[in-house]
Amino acid sequence: MYQCISVVHVDPAKKDILVDAAKKLAVTTREETGNLSYDVLKPEGREDIIILAERWQSEEDFQRHVAHAGEEGDRVFEFGKLVGSVSTAPSDLYPCKVLF
């Protein structure tokens, strides 16, 4: 199993824009082969952070998901551009192999 956790440092005034876009991305991502879950989370008491937690059957499935993320027009690329426009700092990205 493979997981990717992204911590987005968002301008609280723009949080709803990010959450709406993340919901749309989550719906299509959940339909992809190998996706086990895609959750959009907000820590209690924090209006400046949104966490995206993805779980995949394999690293290969995740890599297929992001294979075109550097290309204009790709939905992951477009989401990344939006993240850049509403963020207050670079996102923290933690690709993880699940050990247990």
Protein backbone atom coordinates (compact mmCIF):
# COMPACT_ATOMS: atom_id res chain seq x y z
CA MET A 1 0.00 0.00 0.00
CA TYR A 2 1.13 3.56 -0.72
CA GLN A 3 -0.03 6.84 0.78
CA CYS A 4 0.60 10.49 0.03
CA ILE A 5 -0.13 13.23 2.54
CA SER A 6 -0.10 16.87 1.45
CA VAL A 7 -0.29 19.72 3.93
CA VAL A 8 -1.45 22.93 2.28
CA HIS A 9 -0.82 26.21 4.09
CA VAL A 10 -3.79 28.23 2.90
CA ASP A 11 -4.89 31.82 3.34
CA PRO A 12 -7.94 31.37 5.63
CA ALA A 13 -9.89 33.85 3.49
CA LYS A 14 -9.36 31.55 0.48
CA LYS A 15 -9.83 28.22 2.26
CA ASP A 16 -13.29 27.57 0.79
CA ILE A 17 -11.95 27.98 -2.76
CA LEU A 18 -9.33 25.33 -2.06
CA VAL A 19 -11.76 22.97 -0.34
CA ASP A 20 -14.25 23.18 -3.24
CA ALA A 21 -11.52 22.38 -5.77
CA ALA A 22 -10.15 19.56 -3.59
CA LYS A 23 -13.63 18.02 -3.35
CA LYS A 24 -13.87 17.95 -7.15
CA LEU A 25 -10.43 16.41 -7.48
CA ALA A 26 -11.29 13.85 -4.79
CA VAL A 27 -14.40 12.69 -6.68
CA THR A 28 -12.48 11.94 -9.89
CA THR A 29 -9.42 10.55 -8.08
CA ARG A 30 -11.55 8.08 -6.13
CA GLU A 31 -12.65 6.59 -9.47
CA GLU A 32 -9.07 5.87 -10.58
CA THR A 33 -7.71 2.34 -10.69
CA GLY A 34 -5.85 1.57 -7.48
CA ASN A 35 -7.21 4.45 -5.41
CA LEU A 36 -8.36 3.32 -1.98
CA SER A 37 -9.23 6.74 -0.55
CA TYR A 38 -8.78 10.46 -1.02
CA ASP A 39 -9.72 12.58 1.96
CA VAL A 40 -9.78 16.35 2.39
CA LEU A 41 -9.16 17.23 6.06
CA LYS A 42 -9.08 20.35 8.23
CA PRO A 43 -7.36 20.09 11.61
CA GLU A 44 -9.47 21.22 14.55
CA GLY A 45 -8.92 24.88 15.35
CA ARG A 46 -6.76 25.54 12.25
CA GLU A 47 -8.23 27.64 9.45
CA ASP A 48 -4.86 27.93 7.72
CA ILE A 49 -4.20 24.27 6.93
CA ILE A 50 -5.91 21.75 4.68
CA ILE A 51 -4.61 18.18 4.51
CA LEU A 52 -5.06 15.91 1.51
CA ALA A 53 -4.62 12.23 2.37
CA GLU A 54 -4.50 9.75 -0.50
CA ARG A 55 -4.24 5.99 -0.21
CA TRP A 56 -3.31 3.78 -3.15
CA GLN A 57 -2.94 0.04 -3.64
CA SER A 58 0.59 0.57 -4.96
CA GLU A 59 3.17 3.24 -5.68
CA GLU A 60 2.68 2.47 -9.37
CA ASP A 61 -1.02 3.39 -9.10
CA PHE A 62 -0.07 6.70 -7.45
CA GLN A 63 2.57 7.39 -10.10
CA ARG A 64 -0.02 6.80 -12.81
CA HIS A 65 -2.27 9.35 -11.05
CA VAL A 66 0.44 12.03 -11.14
CA ALA A 67 2.07 11.00 -14.43
CA HIS A 68 0.84 14.13 -16.23
CA ALA A 69 0.81 16.49 -13.25
CA GLY A 70 3.42 18.68 -14.92
CA GLU A 71 1.32 19.24 -18.03
CA GLU A 72 -0.94 22.23 -18.59
CA GLY A 73 -4.58 21.10 -18.64
CA ASP A 74 -4.08 18.01 -16.46
CA ARG A 75 -6.47 18.12 -13.49
CA VAL A 76 -3.69 17.54 -10.96
CA PHE A 77 -1.62 20.30 -12.63
CA GLU A 78 -4.59 22.69 -12.57
CA PHE A 79 -5.25 21.90 -8.91
CA GLY A 80 -1.58 22.59 -8.16
CA LYS A 81 -1.84 25.99 -9.84
CA LEU A 82 -4.88 26.80 -7.69
CA VAL A 83 -3.02 25.69 -4.56
CA GLY A 84 -0.21 28.08 -5.47
CA SER A 85 -2.65 30.96 -5.77
CA VAL A 86 -4.27 30.46 -2.34
CA SER A 87 -1.26 29.31 -0.30
CA THR A 88 0.73 31.30 2.20
CA ALA A 89 3.75 28.94 2.05
CA PRO A 90 4.87 25.96 -0.02
CA SER A 91 2.89 22.79 0.63
CA ASP A 92 4.49 19.94 2.53
CA LEU A 93 4.30 16.71 0.54
CA TYR A 94 4.89 13.34 2.20
CA PRO A 95 4.80 10.32 -0.13
CA CYS A 96 4.84 7.28 2.16
CA LYS A 97 5.20 3.55 1.87
CA VAL A 98 2.87 2.02 4.43
CA LEU A 99 4.97 -0.19 6.72
CA PHE A 100 2.22 -1.73 8.82
